[in-house]
Amino acid sequence: MPDKLSHHALYVILLYKQRSFTEEVIKNHVAHLNELDRCGKLIICGIFTDAEGEIILVHASSRKEVKAIAESDPFVREGFESYDLITLQQACKGNNHLLEDKVTQHHSLCTARPSEVQLRRD
């Protein structure tokens, strides 16, 4: 990933459909994604094929910024979808996949039952 990502947190925006889309709101949502891409915020986005919902992965300088990104999405702003925000700590070759900082925590997450693992969500 580009070096600029190391200076920003990564955030997952999970979108959940609340009602049927209109053609207009779909076009506005795509324009929103294109603007995020143009600004260098968008990492990847897509729909789930085996579950309900969508995912948008972005980088931002703060949780406040990513909340504003999510709430400016026409799907959310116009009530077509609700959302959850999750902060993602990137594990990569550059930080040895968090080995030095997170050995104990990572091991406990890997051995915990799913009901014991909690993600921070808004």
PDB file of N, CA and C in Angstrom:
ATOM      1  N   MET A   1       0.837  -1.181   0.000  1.00  0.00           N
ATOM      2  CA  MET A   1       0.000   0.000   0.000  1.00  0.00           C
ATOM      3  C   MET A   1       0.876   1.236   0.000  1.00  0.00           C
ATOM      4  N   PRO A   2       0.353   2.344  -0.493  1.00  0.00           N
ATOM      5  CA  PRO A   2       1.141   3.563  -0.531  1.00  0.00           C
ATOM      6  C   PRO A   2       1.577   3.996   0.863  1.00  0.00           C
ATOM      7  N   ASP A   3       2.723   4.650   0.920  1.00  0.00           N
ATOM      8  CA  ASP A   3       3.274   5.100   2.183  1.00  0.00           C
ATOM      9  C   ASP A   3       2.336   6.026   2.933  1.00  0.00           C
ATOM     10  N   LYS A   4       1.530   6.815   2.214  1.00  0.00           N
ATOM     11  CA  LYS A   4       0.651   7.774   2.887  1.00  0.00           C
ATOM     12  C   LYS A   4      -0.320   7.082   3.829  1.00  0.00           C
ATOM     13  N   LEU A   5      -0.621   5.806   3.623  1.00  0.00           N
ATOM     14  CA  LEU A   5      -1.540   5.102   4.499  1.00  0.00           C
ATOM     15  C   LEU A   5      -0.965   4.925   5.890  1.00  0.00           C
ATOM     16  N   SER A   6       0.346   4.886   6.001  1.00  0.00           N
ATOM     17  CA  SER A   6       0.955   4.689   7.311  1.00  0.00           C
ATOM     18  C   SER A   6       0.712   5.874   8.235  1.00  0.00           C
ATOM     19  N   HIS A   7       0.325   7.015   7.709  1.00  0.00           N
ATOM     20  CA  HIS A   7       0.072   8.211   8.507  1.00  0.00           C
ATOM     21  C   HIS A   7      -1.402   8.371   8.844  1.00  0.00           C
ATOM     22  N   HIS A   8      -2.232   7.463   8.422  1.00  0.00           N
ATOM     23  CA  HIS A   8      -3.662   7.533   8.654  1.00  0.00           C
ATOM     24  C   HIS A   8      -4.143   6.201   9.201  1.00  0.00           C
ATOM     25  N   ALA A   9      -5.223   6.269   9.954  1.00  0.00           N
ATOM     26  CA  ALA A   9      -5.859   5.035  10.403  1.00  0.00           C
ATOM     27  C   ALA A   9      -6.705   4.498   9.252  1.00  0.00           C
ATOM     28  N   LEU A  10      -6.913   3.203   9.276  1.00  0.00           N
ATOM     29  CA  LEU A  10      -7.786   2.570   8.297  1.00  0.00           C
ATOM     30  C   LEU A  10      -9.132   2.333   8.961  1.00  0.00           C
ATOM     31  N   TYR A  11     -10.189   2.570   8.224  1.00  0.00           N
ATOM     32  CA  TYR A  11     -11.533   2.413   8.762  1.00  0.00           C
ATOM     33  C   TYR A  11     -12.380   1.595   7.808  1.00  0.00           C
ATOM     34  N   VAL A  12     -13.211   0.752   8.395  1.00  0.00           N
ATOM     35  CA  VAL A  12     -14.178  -0.030   7.653  1.00  0.00           C
ATOM     36  C   VAL A  12     -15.540   0.611   7.893  1.00  0.00           C
ATOM     37  N   ILE A  13     -16.222   0.926   6.804  1.00  0.00           N
ATOM     38  CA  ILE A  13     -17.604   1.383   6.885  1.00  0.00           C
ATOM     39  C   ILE A  13     -18.454   0.228   6.374  1.00  0.00           C
ATOM     40  N   LEU A  14     -19.276  -0.329   7.254  1.00  0.00           N
ATOM     41  CA  LEU A  14     -20.199  -1.388   6.865  1.00  0.00           C
ATOM     42  C   LEU A  14     -21.569  -0.761   6.664  1.00  0.00           C
ATOM     43  N   LEU A  15     -22.151  -0.991   5.502  1.00  0.00           N
ATOM     44  CA  LEU A  15     -23.449  -0.416   5.162  1.00  0.00           C
ATOM     45  C   LEU A  15     -24.510  -1.509   5.146  1.00  0.00           C
ATOM     46  N   TYR A  16     -25.694  -1.186   5.694  1.00  0.00           N
ATOM     47  CA  TYR A  16     -26.798  -2.133   5.782  1.00  0.00           C
ATOM     48  C   TYR A  16     -28.044  -1.520   5.155  1.00  0.00           C
ATOM     49  N   LYS A  17     -28.572  -2.180   4.152  1.00  0.00           N
ATOM     50  CA  LYS A  17     -29.731  -1.676   3.412  1.00  0.00           C
ATOM     51  C   LYS A  17     -30.959  -1.588   4.311  1.00  0.00           C
ATOM     52  N   GLN A  18     -31.630  -0.440   4.250  1.00  0.00           N
ATOM     53  CA  GLN A  18     -32.836  -0.206   5.038  1.00  0.00           C
ATOM     54  C   GLN A  18     -34.104  -0.182   4.175  1.00  0.00           C
ATOM     55  N   ARG A  19     -33.922   0.206   2.913  1.00  0.00           N
ATOM     56  CA  ARG A  19     -35.057   0.247   1.992  1.00  0.00           C
ATOM     57  C   ARG A  19     -34.550   0.206   0.557  1.00  0.00           C
ATOM     58  N   SER A  20     -35.463   0.015  -0.383  1.00  0.00           N
ATOM     59  CA  SER A  20     -35.082  -0.111  -1.799  1.00  0.00           C
ATOM     60  C   SER A  20     -34.468   1.179  -2.320  1.00  0.00           C
ATOM     61  N   PHE A  21     -33.443   1.022  -3.148  1.00  0.00           N
ATOM     62  CA  PHE A  21     -32.749   2.165  -3.734  1.00  0.00           C
ATOM     63  C   PHE A  21     -33.531   2.732  -4.913  1.00  0.00           C
ATOM     64  N   THR A  22     -33.325   4.023  -5.156  1.00  0.00           N
ATOM     65  CA  THR A  22     -33.800   4.644  -6.389  1.00  0.00           C
ATOM     66  C   THR A  22     -32.606   4.761  -7.330  1.00  0.00           C
ATOM     67  N   GLU A  23     -32.880   4.909  -8.609  1.00  0.00           N
ATOM     68  CA  GLU A  23     -31.802   5.064  -9.573  1.00  0.00           C
ATOM     69  C   GLU A  23     -30.976   6.312  -9.262  1.00  0.00           C
ATOM     70  N   GLU A  24     -31.646   7.353  -8.839  1.00  0.00           N
ATOM     71  CA  GLU A  24     -30.957   8.609  -8.535  1.00  0.00           C
ATOM     72  C   GLU A  24     -29.987   8.453  -7.360  1.00  0.00           C
ATOM     73  N   VAL A  25     -30.420   7.784  -6.292  1.00  0.00           N
ATOM     74  CA  VAL A  25     -29.536   7.651  -5.129  1.00  0.00           C
ATOM     75  C   VAL A  25     -28.359   6.732  -5.447  1.00  0.00           C
ATOM     76  N   ILE A  26     -28.556   5.747  -6.304  1.00  0.00           N
ATOM     77  CA  ILE A  26     -27.433   4.895  -6.721  1.00  0.00           C
ATOM     78  C   ILE A  26     -26.392   5.728  -7.464  1.00  0.00           C
ATOM     79  N   LYS A  27     -26.851   6.562  -8.391  1.00  0.00           N
ATOM     80  CA  LYS A  27     -25.921   7.431  -9.137  1.00  0.00           C
ATOM     81  C   LYS A  27     -25.184   8.374  -8.183  1.00  0.00           C
ATOM     82  N   ASN A  28     -25.896   8.921  -7.203  1.00  0.00           N
ATOM     83  CA  ASN A  28     -25.270   9.829  -6.239  1.00  0.00           C
ATOM     84  C   ASN A  28     -24.267   9.095  -5.345  1.00  0.00           C
ATOM     85  N   HIS A  29     -24.580   7.848  -4.974  1.00  0.00           N
ATOM     86  CA  HIS A  29     -23.662   7.038  -4.180  1.00  0.00           C
ATOM     87  C   HIS A  29     -22.372   6.771  -4.963  1.00  0.00           C
ATOM     88  N   VAL A  30     -22.510   6.411  -6.235  1.00  0.00           N
ATOM     89  CA  VAL A  30     -21.332   6.155  -7.079  1.00  0.00           C
ATOM     90  C   VAL A  30     -20.501   7.434  -7.222  1.00  0.00           C
ATOM     91  N   ALA A  31     -21.164   8.582  -7.366  1.00  0.00           N
ATOM     92  CA  ALA A  31     -20.434   9.859  -7.436  1.00  0.00           C
ATOM     93  C   ALA A  31     -19.669  10.099  -6.133  1.00  0.00           C
ATOM     94  N   HIS A  32     -20.276   9.747  -5.009  1.00  0.00           N
ATOM     95  CA  HIS A  32     -19.619   9.880  -3.699  1.00  0.00           C
ATOM     96  C   HIS A  32     -18.361   8.999  -3.645  1.00  0.00           C
ATOM     97  N   LEU A  33     -18.483   7.750  -4.096  1.00  0.00           N
ATOM     98  CA  LEU A  33     -17.328   6.844  -4.116  1.00  0.00           C
ATOM     99  C   LEU A  33     -16.242   7.368  -5.045  1.00  0.00           C
ATOM    100  N   ASN A  34     -16.635   7.885  -6.210  1.00  0.00           N
ATOM    101  CA  ASN A  34     -15.664   8.452  -7.151  1.00  0.00           C
ATOM    102  C   ASN A  34     -14.927   9.635  -6.537  1.00  0.00           C
ATOM    103  N   GLU A  35     -15.632  10.443  -5.756  1.00  0.00           N
ATOM    104  CA  GLU A  35     -14.990  11.593  -5.100  1.00  0.00           C
ATOM    105  C   GLU A  35     -14.009  11.125  -4.027  1.00  0.00           C
ATOM    106  N   LEU A  36     -14.391  10.107  -3.259  1.00  0.00           N
ATOM    107  CA  LEU A  36     -13.461   9.549  -2.270  1.00  0.00           C
ATOM    108  C   LEU A  36     -12.202   9.018  -2.950  1.00  0.00           C
ATOM    109  N   ASP A  37     -12.387   8.361  -4.092  1.00  0.00           N
ATOM    110  CA  ASP A  37     -11.254   7.834  -4.850  1.00  0.00           C
ATOM    111  C   ASP A  37     -10.387   8.971  -5.381  1.00  0.00           C
ATOM    112  N   ARG A  38     -11.020   9.994  -5.926  1.00  0.00           N
ATOM    113  CA  ARG A  38     -10.286  11.143  -6.468  1.00  0.00           C
ATOM    114  C   ARG A  38      -9.451  11.823  -5.384  1.00  0.00           C
ATOM    115  N   CYS A  39      -9.987  11.887  -4.165  1.00  0.00           N
ATOM    116  CA  CYS A  39      -9.289  12.522  -3.043  1.00  0.00           C
ATOM    117  C   CYS A  39      -8.250  11.611  -2.390  1.00  0.00           C
ATOM    118  N   GLY A  40      -8.171  10.365  -2.842  1.00  0.00           N
ATOM    119  CA  GLY A  40      -7.198   9.443  -2.290  1.00  0.00           C
ATOM    120  C   GLY A  40      -7.609   8.805  -0.969  1.00  0.00           C
ATOM    121  N   LYS A  41      -8.890   8.876  -0.613  1.00  0.00           N
ATOM    122  CA  LYS A  41      -9.371   8.301   0.649  1.00  0.00           C
ATOM    123  C   LYS A  41      -9.818   6.852   0.489  1.00  0.00           C
ATOM    124  N   LEU A  42     -10.366   6.506  -0.660  1.00  0.00           N
ATOM    125  CA  LEU A  42     -10.946   5.184  -0.884  1.00  0.00           C
ATOM    126  C   LEU A  42      -9.856   4.148  -1.134  1.00  0.00           C
ATOM    127  N   ILE A  43      -9.912   3.054  -0.403  1.00  0.00           N
ATOM    128  CA  ILE A  43      -8.984   1.951  -0.615  1.00  0.00           C
ATOM    129  C   ILE A  43      -9.664   0.879  -1.452  1.00  0.00           C
ATOM    130  N   ILE A  44     -10.843   0.454  -1.013  1.00  0.00           N
ATOM    131  CA  ILE A  44     -11.615  -0.555  -1.753  1.00  0.00           C
ATOM    132  C   ILE A  44     -13.059  -0.484  -1.270  1.00  0.00           C
ATOM    133  N   CYS A  45     -13.966  -0.900  -2.128  1.00  0.00           N
ATOM    134  CA  CYS A  45     -15.367  -0.972  -1.735  1.00  0.00           C
ATOM    135  C   CYS A  45     -16.038  -2.078  -2.532  1.00  0.00           C
ATOM    136  N   GLY A  46     -17.166  -2.540  -2.048  1.00  0.00           N
ATOM    137  CA  GLY A  46     -17.899  -3.567  -2.768  1.00  0.00           C
ATOM    138  C   GLY A  46     -19.070  -4.091  -1.969  1.00  0.00           C
ATOM    139  N   ILE A  47     -19.826  -4.970  -2.614  1.00  0.00           N
ATOM    140  CA  ILE A  47     -20.964  -5.600  -1.960  1.00  0.00           C
ATOM    141  C   ILE A  47     -20.588  -7.027  -1.583  1.00  0.00           C
ATOM    142  N   PHE A  48     -21.213  -7.530  -0.554  1.00  0.00           N
ATOM    143  CA  PHE A  48     -20.991  -8.914  -0.156  1.00  0.00           C
ATOM    144  C   PHE A  48     -21.824  -9.817  -1.053  1.00  0.00           C
ATOM    145  N   THR A  49     -21.257 -10.931  -1.465  1.00  0.00           N
ATOM    146  CA  THR A  49     -21.997 -11.863  -2.317  1.00  0.00           C
ATOM    147  C   THR A  49     -22.644 -12.979  -1.510  1.00  0.00           C
ATOM    148  N   ASP A  50     -22.205 -13.184  -0.269  1.00  0.00           N
ATOM    149  CA  ASP A  50     -22.772 -14.252   0.538  1.00  0.00           C
ATOM    150  C   ASP A  50     -23.356 -13.746   1.854  1.00  0.00           C
ATOM    151  N   ALA A  51     -23.570 -12.445   1.941  1.00  0.00           N
ATOM    152  CA  ALA A  51     -24.164 -11.825   3.124  1.00  0.00           C
ATOM    153  C   ALA A  51     -24.780 -10.498   2.693  1.00  0.00           C
ATOM    154  N   GLU A  52     -25.651  -9.974   3.525  1.00  0.00           N
ATOM    155  CA  GLU A  52     -26.259  -8.675   3.246  1.00  0.00           C
ATOM    156  C   GLU A  52     -25.266  -7.564   3.565  1.00  0.00           C
ATOM    157  N   GLY A  53     -25.269  -6.525   2.758  1.00  0.00           N
ATOM    158  CA  GLY A  53     -24.490  -5.351   3.083  1.00  0.00           C
ATOM    159  C   GLY A  53     -23.365  -5.050   2.108  1.00  0.00           C
ATOM    160  N   GLU A  54     -22.706  -3.956   2.418  1.00  0.00           N
ATOM    161  CA  GLU A  54     -21.597  -3.454   1.619  1.00  0.00           C
ATOM    162  C   GLU A  54     -20.455  -3.067   2.546  1.00  0.00           C
ATOM    163  N   ILE A  55     -19.276  -2.915   1.964  1.00  0.00           N
ATOM    164  CA  ILE A  55     -18.108  -2.490   2.722  1.00  0.00           C
ATOM    165  C   ILE A  55     -17.392  -1.385   1.949  1.00  0.00           C
ATOM    166  N   ILE A  56     -16.952  -0.397   2.690  1.00  0.00           N
ATOM    167  CA  ILE A  56     -16.098   0.657   2.137  1.00  0.00           C
ATOM    168  C   ILE A  56     -14.904   0.760   3.079  1.00  0.00           C
ATOM    169  N   LEU A  57     -13.714   0.592   2.549  1.00  0.00           N
ATOM    170  CA  LEU A  57     -12.489   0.716   3.336  1.00  0.00           C
ATOM    171  C   LEU A  57     -11.819   2.019   2.941  1.00  0.00           C
ATOM    172  N   VAL A  58     -11.621   2.882   3.934  1.00  0.00           N
ATOM    173  CA  VAL A  58     -11.025   4.192   3.676  1.00  0.00           C
ATOM    174  C   VAL A  58      -9.911   4.451   4.676  1.00  0.00           C
ATOM    175  N   HIS A  59      -9.085   5.421   4.360  1.00  0.00           N
ATOM    176  CA  HIS A  59      -8.145   5.911   5.355  1.00  0.00           C
ATOM    177  C   HIS A  59      -8.468   7.355   5.616  1.00  0.00           C
ATOM    178  N   ALA A  60      -8.299   7.739   6.882  1.00  0.00           N
ATOM    179  CA  ALA A  60      -8.649   9.091   7.315  1.00  0.00           C
ATOM    180  C   ALA A  60      -7.777   9.448   8.507  1.00  0.00           C
ATOM    181  N   SER A  61      -7.717  10.728   8.805  1.00  0.00           N
ATOM    182  CA  SER A  61      -6.862  11.183   9.895  1.00  0.00           C
ATOM    183  C   SER A  61      -7.524  11.053  11.262  1.00  0.00           C
ATOM    184  N   SER A  62      -8.850  10.840  11.291  1.00  0.00           N
ATOM    185  CA  SER A  62      -9.540  10.718  12.574  1.00  0.00           C
ATOM    186  C   SER A  62     -10.862   9.975  12.395  1.00  0.00           C
ATOM    187  N   ARG A  63     -11.364   9.489  13.516  1.00  0.00           N
ATOM    188  CA  ARG A  63     -12.677   8.833  13.525  1.00  0.00           C
ATOM    189  C   ARG A  63     -13.772   9.839  13.157  1.00  0.00           C
ATOM    190  N   LYS A  64     -13.580  11.084  13.584  1.00  0.00           N
ATOM    191  CA  LYS A  64     -14.534  12.146  13.252  1.00  0.00           C
ATOM    192  C   LYS A  64     -14.610  12.332  11.730  1.00  0.00           C
ATOM    193  N   GLU A  65     -13.453  12.295  11.069  1.00  0.00           N
ATOM    194  CA  GLU A  65     -13.421  12.456   9.622  1.00  0.00           C
ATOM    195  C   GLU A  65     -14.139  11.309   8.915  1.00  0.00           C
ATOM    196  N   VAL A  66     -13.889  10.082   9.357  1.00  0.00           N
ATOM    197  CA  VAL A  66     -14.522   8.946   8.672  1.00  0.00           C
ATOM    198  C   VAL A  66     -16.022   8.912   8.954  1.00  0.00           C
ATOM    199  N   LYS A  67     -16.435   9.367  10.123  1.00  0.00           N
ATOM    200  CA  LYS A  67     -17.872   9.460  10.411  1.00  0.00           C
ATOM    201  C   LYS A  67     -18.529  10.454   9.455  1.00  0.00           C
ATOM    202  N   ALA A  68     -17.857  11.563   9.198  1.00  0.00           N
ATOM    203  CA  ALA A  68     -18.374  12.548   8.241  1.00  0.00           C
ATOM    204  C   ALA A  68     -18.436  11.955   6.830  1.00  0.00           C
ATOM    205  N   ILE A  69     -17.443  11.136   6.470  1.00  0.00           N
ATOM    206  CA  ILE A  69     -17.457  10.469   5.163  1.00  0.00           C
ATOM    207  C   ILE A  69     -18.672   9.555   5.059  1.00  0.00           C
ATOM    208  N   ALA A  70     -18.889   8.745   6.093  1.00  0.00           N
ATOM    209  CA  ALA A  70     -20.026   7.817   6.075  1.00  0.00           C
ATOM    210  C   ALA A  70     -21.351   8.568   6.013  1.00  0.00           C
ATOM    211  N   GLU A  71     -21.484   9.608   6.796  1.00  0.00           N
ATOM    212  CA  GLU A  71     -22.750  10.329   6.863  1.00  0.00           C
ATOM    213  C   GLU A  71     -23.005  11.204   5.653  1.00  0.00           C
ATOM    214  N   SER A  72     -21.968  11.479   4.852  1.00  0.00           N
ATOM    215  CA  SER A  72     -22.175  12.242   3.617  1.00  0.00           C
ATOM    216  C   SER A  72     -22.510  11.335   2.436  1.00  0.00           C
ATOM    217  N   ASP A  73     -22.404  10.021   2.625  1.00  0.00           N
ATOM    218  CA  ASP A  73     -22.796   9.069   1.576  1.00  0.00           C
ATOM    219  C   ASP A  73     -24.301   9.215   1.353  1.00  0.00           C
ATOM    220  N   PRO A  74     -24.740   9.422   0.123  1.00  0.00           N
ATOM    221  CA  PRO A  74     -26.176   9.574  -0.141  1.00  0.00           C
ATOM    222  C   PRO A  74     -27.026   8.405   0.369  1.00  0.00           C
ATOM    223  N   PHE A  75     -26.500   7.198   0.342  1.00  0.00           N
ATOM    224  CA  PHE A  75     -27.243   6.053   0.878  1.00  0.00           C
ATOM    225  C   PHE A  75     -27.582   6.268   2.355  1.00  0.00           C
ATOM    226  N   VAL A  76     -26.634   6.782   3.122  1.00  0.00           N
ATOM    227  CA  VAL A  76     -26.824   7.017   4.554  1.00  0.00           C
ATOM    228  C   VAL A  76     -27.597   8.309   4.773  1.00  0.00           C
ATOM    229  N   ARG A  77     -27.161   9.368   4.143  1.00  0.00           N
ATOM    230  CA  ARG A  77     -27.765  10.694   4.328  1.00  0.00           C
ATOM    231  C   ARG A  77     -29.264  10.694   4.033  1.00  0.00           C
ATOM    232  N   GLU A  78     -29.669   9.911   3.021  1.00  0.00           N
ATOM    233  CA  GLU A  78     -31.077   9.890   2.624  1.00  0.00           C
ATOM    234  C   GLU A  78     -31.847   8.710   3.217  1.00  0.00           C
ATOM    235  N   GLY A  79     -31.226   7.981   4.158  1.00  0.00           N
ATOM    236  CA  GLY A  79     -31.921   6.939   4.891  1.00  0.00           C
ATOM    237  C   GLY A  79     -32.097   5.611   4.180  1.00  0.00           C
ATOM    238  N   PHE A  80     -31.338   5.377   3.105  1.00  0.00           N
ATOM    239  CA  PHE A  80     -31.423   4.102   2.399  1.00  0.00           C
ATOM    240  C   PHE A  80     -30.618   3.013   3.091  1.00  0.00           C
ATOM    241  N   GLU A  81     -29.559   3.427   3.817  1.00  0.00           N
ATOM    242  CA  GLU A  81     -28.716   2.465   4.523  1.00  0.00           C
ATOM    243  C   GLU A  81     -28.301   3.035   5.871  1.00  0.00           C
ATOM    244  N   SER A  82     -28.087   2.130   6.821  1.00  0.00           N
ATOM    245  CA  SER A  82     -27.455   2.481   8.093  1.00  0.00           C
ATOM    246  C   SER A  82     -26.001   2.020   7.997  1.00  0.00           C
ATOM    247  N   TYR A  83     -25.196   2.362   8.996  1.00  0.00           N
ATOM    248  CA  TYR A  83     -23.787   1.992   8.919  1.00  0.00           C
ATOM    249  C   TYR A  83     -23.195   1.716  10.290  1.00  0.00           C
ATOM    250  N   ASP A  84     -22.094   0.979  10.286  1.00  0.00           N
ATOM    251  CA  ASP A  84     -21.215   0.786  11.435  1.00  0.00           C
ATOM    252  C   ASP A  84     -19.820   1.212  11.004  1.00  0.00           C
ATOM    253  N   LEU A  85     -19.056   1.759  11.944  1.00  0.00           N
ATOM    254  CA  LEU A  85     -17.647   2.101  11.709  1.00  0.00           C
ATOM    255  C   LEU A  85     -16.780   1.192  12.555  1.00  0.00           C
ATOM    256  N   ILE A  86     -15.725   0.681  11.949  1.00  0.00           N
ATOM    257  CA  ILE A  86     -14.771  -0.158  12.663  1.00  0.00           C
ATOM    258  C   ILE A  86     -13.371   0.338  12.318  1.00  0.00           C
ATOM    259  N   THR A  87     -12.553   0.571  13.332  1.00  0.00           N
ATOM    260  CA  THR A  87     -11.166   0.972  13.123  1.00  0.00           C
ATOM    261  C   THR A  87     -10.332  -0.285  12.907  1.00  0.00           C
ATOM    262  N   LEU A  88      -9.504  -0.256  11.875  1.00  0.00           N
ATOM    263  CA  LEU A  88      -8.686  -1.414  11.518  1.00  0.00           C
ATOM    264  C   LEU A  88      -7.215  -1.067  11.708  1.00  0.00           C
ATOM    265  N   GLN A  89      -6.514  -1.845  12.512  1.00  0.00           N
ATOM    266  CA  GLN A  89      -5.066  -1.671  12.624  1.00  0.00           C
ATOM    267  C   GLN A  89      -4.426  -2.578  11.587  1.00  0.00           C
ATOM    268  N   GLN A  90      -3.729  -1.986  10.660  1.00  0.00           N
ATOM    269  CA  GLN A  90      -3.133  -2.723   9.555  1.00  0.00           C
ATOM    270  C   GLN A  90      -1.979  -3.588  10.037  1.00  0.00           C
ATOM    271  N   ALA A  91      -1.997  -4.834   9.626  1.00  0.00           N
ATOM    272  CA  ALA A  91      -0.876  -5.744   9.846  1.00  0.00           C
ATOM    273  C   ALA A  91      -0.235  -5.984   8.483  1.00  0.00           C
ATOM    274  N   CYS A  92       1.061  -5.723   8.387  1.00  0.00           N
ATOM    275  CA  CYS A  92       1.736  -5.846   7.097  1.00  0.00           C
ATOM    276  C   CYS A  92       3.209  -6.200   7.328  1.00  0.00           C
ATOM    277  N   LYS A  93       3.905  -6.436   6.246  1.00  0.00           N
ATOM    278  CA  LYS A  93       5.320  -6.763   6.340  1.00  0.00           C
ATOM    279  C   LYS A  93       6.095  -5.656   7.055  1.00  0.00           C
ATOM    280  N   GLY A  94       5.721  -4.403   6.817  1.00  0.00           N
ATOM    281  CA  GLY A  94       6.424  -3.261   7.396  1.00  0.00           C
ATOM    282  C   GLY A  94       6.382  -3.219   8.919  1.00  0.00           C
ATOM    283  N   ASN A  95       5.333  -3.768   9.542  1.00  0.00           N
ATOM    284  CA  ASN A  95       5.268  -3.811  11.000  1.00  0.00           C
ATOM    285  C   ASN A  95       5.293  -5.260  11.506  1.00  0.00           C
ATOM    286  N   ASN A  96       5.843  -6.144  10.667  1.00  0.00           N
ATOM    287  CA  ASN A  96       5.979  -7.563  10.977  1.00  0.00           C
ATOM    288  C   ASN A  96       4.646  -8.151  11.436  1.00  0.00           C
ATOM    289  N   HIS A  97       3.598  -7.714  10.763  1.00  0.00           N
ATOM    290  CA  HIS A  97       2.245  -8.197  11.032  1.00  0.00           C
ATOM    291  C   HIS A  97       1.888  -8.092  12.513  1.00  0.00           C
ATOM    292  N   LEU A  98       2.324  -6.976  13.111  1.00  0.00           N
ATOM    293  CA  LEU A  98       2.040  -6.635  14.504  1.00  0.00           C
ATOM    294  C   LEU A  98       2.669  -7.587  15.520  1.00  0.00           C
ATOM    295  N   LEU A  99       3.624  -8.378  15.120  1.00  0.00           N
ATOM    296  CA  LEU A  99       4.203  -9.381  16.005  1.00  0.00           C
ATOM    297  C   LEU A  99       4.803  -8.769  17.267  1.00  0.00           C
ATOM    298  N   GLU A 100       5.642  -7.736  17.121  1.00  0.00           N
ATOM    299  CA  GLU A 100       6.329  -7.188  18.284  1.00  0.00           C
ATOM    300  C   GLU A 100       5.377  -6.541  19.278  1.00  0.00           C
ATOM    301  N   ASP A 101       4.343  -5.855  18.800  1.00  0.00           N
ATOM    302  CA  ASP A 101       3.462  -5.110  19.691  1.00  0.00           C
ATOM    303  C   ASP A 101       2.273  -5.913  20.186  1.00  0.00           C
ATOM    304  N   LYS A 102       1.901  -6.947  19.480  1.00  0.00           N
ATOM    305  CA  LYS A 102       0.608  -7.556  19.757  1.00  0.00           C
ATOM    306  C   LYS A 102       0.639  -9.072  19.969  1.00  0.00           C
ATOM    307  N   VAL A 103       1.779  -9.646  20.303  1.00  0.00           N
ATOM    308  CA  VAL A 103       1.860 -11.101  20.413  1.00  0.00           C
ATOM    309  C   VAL A 103       0.801 -11.630  21.381  1.00  0.00           C
ATOM    310  N   THR A 104       0.755 -11.108  22.588  1.00  0.00           N
ATOM    311  CA  THR A 104      -0.185 -11.610  23.583  1.00  0.00           C
ATOM    312  C   THR A 104      -1.618 -11.316  23.180  1.00  0.00           C
ATOM    313  N   GLN A 105      -1.890 -10.080  22.771  1.00  0.00           N
ATOM    314  CA  GLN A 105      -3.250  -9.718  22.394  1.00  0.00           C
ATOM    315  C   GLN A 105      -3.702 -10.531  21.185  1.00  0.00           C
ATOM    316  N   HIS A 106      -2.852 -10.667  20.178  1.00  0.00           N
ATOM    317  CA  HIS A 106      -3.224 -11.413  18.975  1.00  0.00           C
ATOM    318  C   HIS A 106      -3.505 -12.865  19.319  1.00  0.00           C
ATOM    319  N   HIS A 107      -2.669 -13.451  20.156  1.00  0.00           N
ATOM    320  CA  HIS A 107      -2.868 -14.848  20.524  1.00  0.00           C
ATOM    321  C   HIS A 107      -4.208 -15.018  21.242  1.00  0.00           C
ATOM    322  N   SER A 108      -4.542 -14.092  22.128  1.00  0.00           N
ATOM    323  CA  SER A 108      -5.805 -14.224  22.851  1.00  0.00           C
ATOM    324  C   SER A 108      -6.986 -14.036  21.911  1.00  0.00           C
ATOM    325  N   LEU A 109      -6.860 -13.193  20.902  1.00  0.00           N
ATOM    326  CA  LEU A 109      -7.941 -13.033  19.934  1.00  0.00           C
ATOM    327  C   LEU A 109      -8.093 -14.282  19.080  1.00  0.00           C
ATOM    328  N   CYS A 110      -6.974 -14.898  18.728  1.00  0.00           N
ATOM    329  CA  CYS A 110      -7.034 -16.087  17.884  1.00  0.00           C
ATOM    330  C   CYS A 110      -7.609 -17.287  18.623  1.00  0.00           C
ATOM    331  N   THR A 111      -7.449 -17.328  19.934  1.00  0.00           N
ATOM    332  CA  THR A 111      -7.948 -18.470  20.681  1.00  0.00           C
ATOM    333  C   THR A 111      -9.289 -18.203  21.347  1.00  0.00           C
ATOM    334  N   ALA A 112      -9.760 -16.961  21.297  1.00  0.00           N
ATOM    335  CA  ALA A 112     -11.037 -16.622  21.923  1.00  0.00           C
ATOM    336  C   ALA A 112     -12.198 -17.151  21.092  1.00  0.00           C
ATOM    337  N   ARG A 113     -13.273 -17.472  21.781  1.00  0.00           N
ATOM    338  CA  ARG A 113     -14.492 -17.831  21.067  1.00  0.00           C
ATOM    339  C   ARG A 113     -15.041 -16.571  20.434  1.00  0.00           C
ATOM    340  N   PRO A 114     -15.744 -16.663  19.286  1.00  0.00           N
ATOM    341  CA  PRO A 114     -16.273 -15.467  18.619  1.00  0.00           C
ATOM    342  C   PRO A 114     -17.078 -14.566  19.546  1.00  0.00           C
ATOM    343  N   SER A 115     -17.792 -15.115  20.502  1.00  0.00           N
ATOM    344  CA  SER A 115     -18.596 -14.296  21.408  1.00  0.00           C
ATOM    345  C   SER A 115     -17.733 -13.465  22.353  1.00  0.00           C
ATOM    346  N   GLU A 116     -16.445 -13.813  22.496  1.00  0.00           N
ATOM    347  CA  GLU A 116     -15.552 -13.072  23.380  1.00  0.00           C
ATOM    348  C   GLU A 116     -14.825 -11.940  22.665  1.00  0.00           C
ATOM    349  N   VAL A 117     -14.873 -11.913  21.353  1.00  0.00           N
ATOM    350  CA  VAL A 117     -14.179 -10.895  20.579  1.00  0.00           C
ATOM    351  C   VAL A 117     -15.156  -9.765  20.288  1.00  0.00           C
ATOM    352  N   GLN A 118     -14.796  -8.552  20.695  1.00  0.00           N
ATOM    353  CA  GLN A 118     -15.662  -7.416  20.465  1.00  0.00           C
ATOM    354  C   GLN A 118     -14.940  -6.401  19.600  1.00  0.00           C
ATOM    355  N   LEU A 119     -15.633  -5.912  18.590  1.00  0.00           N
ATOM    356  CA  LEU A 119     -15.108  -4.868  17.730  1.00  0.00           C
ATOM    357  C   LEU A 119     -15.709  -3.549  18.177  1.00  0.00           C
ATOM    358  N   ARG A 120     -14.932  -2.488  18.080  1.00  0.00           N
ATOM    359  CA  ARG A 120     -15.435  -1.169  18.433  1.00  0.00           C
ATOM    360  C   ARG A 120     -16.292  -0.661  17.291  1.00  0.00           C
ATOM    361  N   ARG A 121     -17.539  -0.390  17.574  1.00  0.00           N
ATOM    362  CA  ARG A 121     -18.474   0.119  16.565  1.00  0.00           C
ATOM    363  C   ARG A 121     -19.197   1.322  17.112  1.00  0.00           C
ATOM    364  N   ASP A 122     -19.603   2.213  16.223  1.00  0.00           N
ATOM    365  CA  ASP A 122     -20.460   3.343  16.601  1.00  0.00           C
ATOM    366  C   ASP A 122     -21.892   2.924  16.496  1.00  0.00           C
TER     367      ASP A 122
END
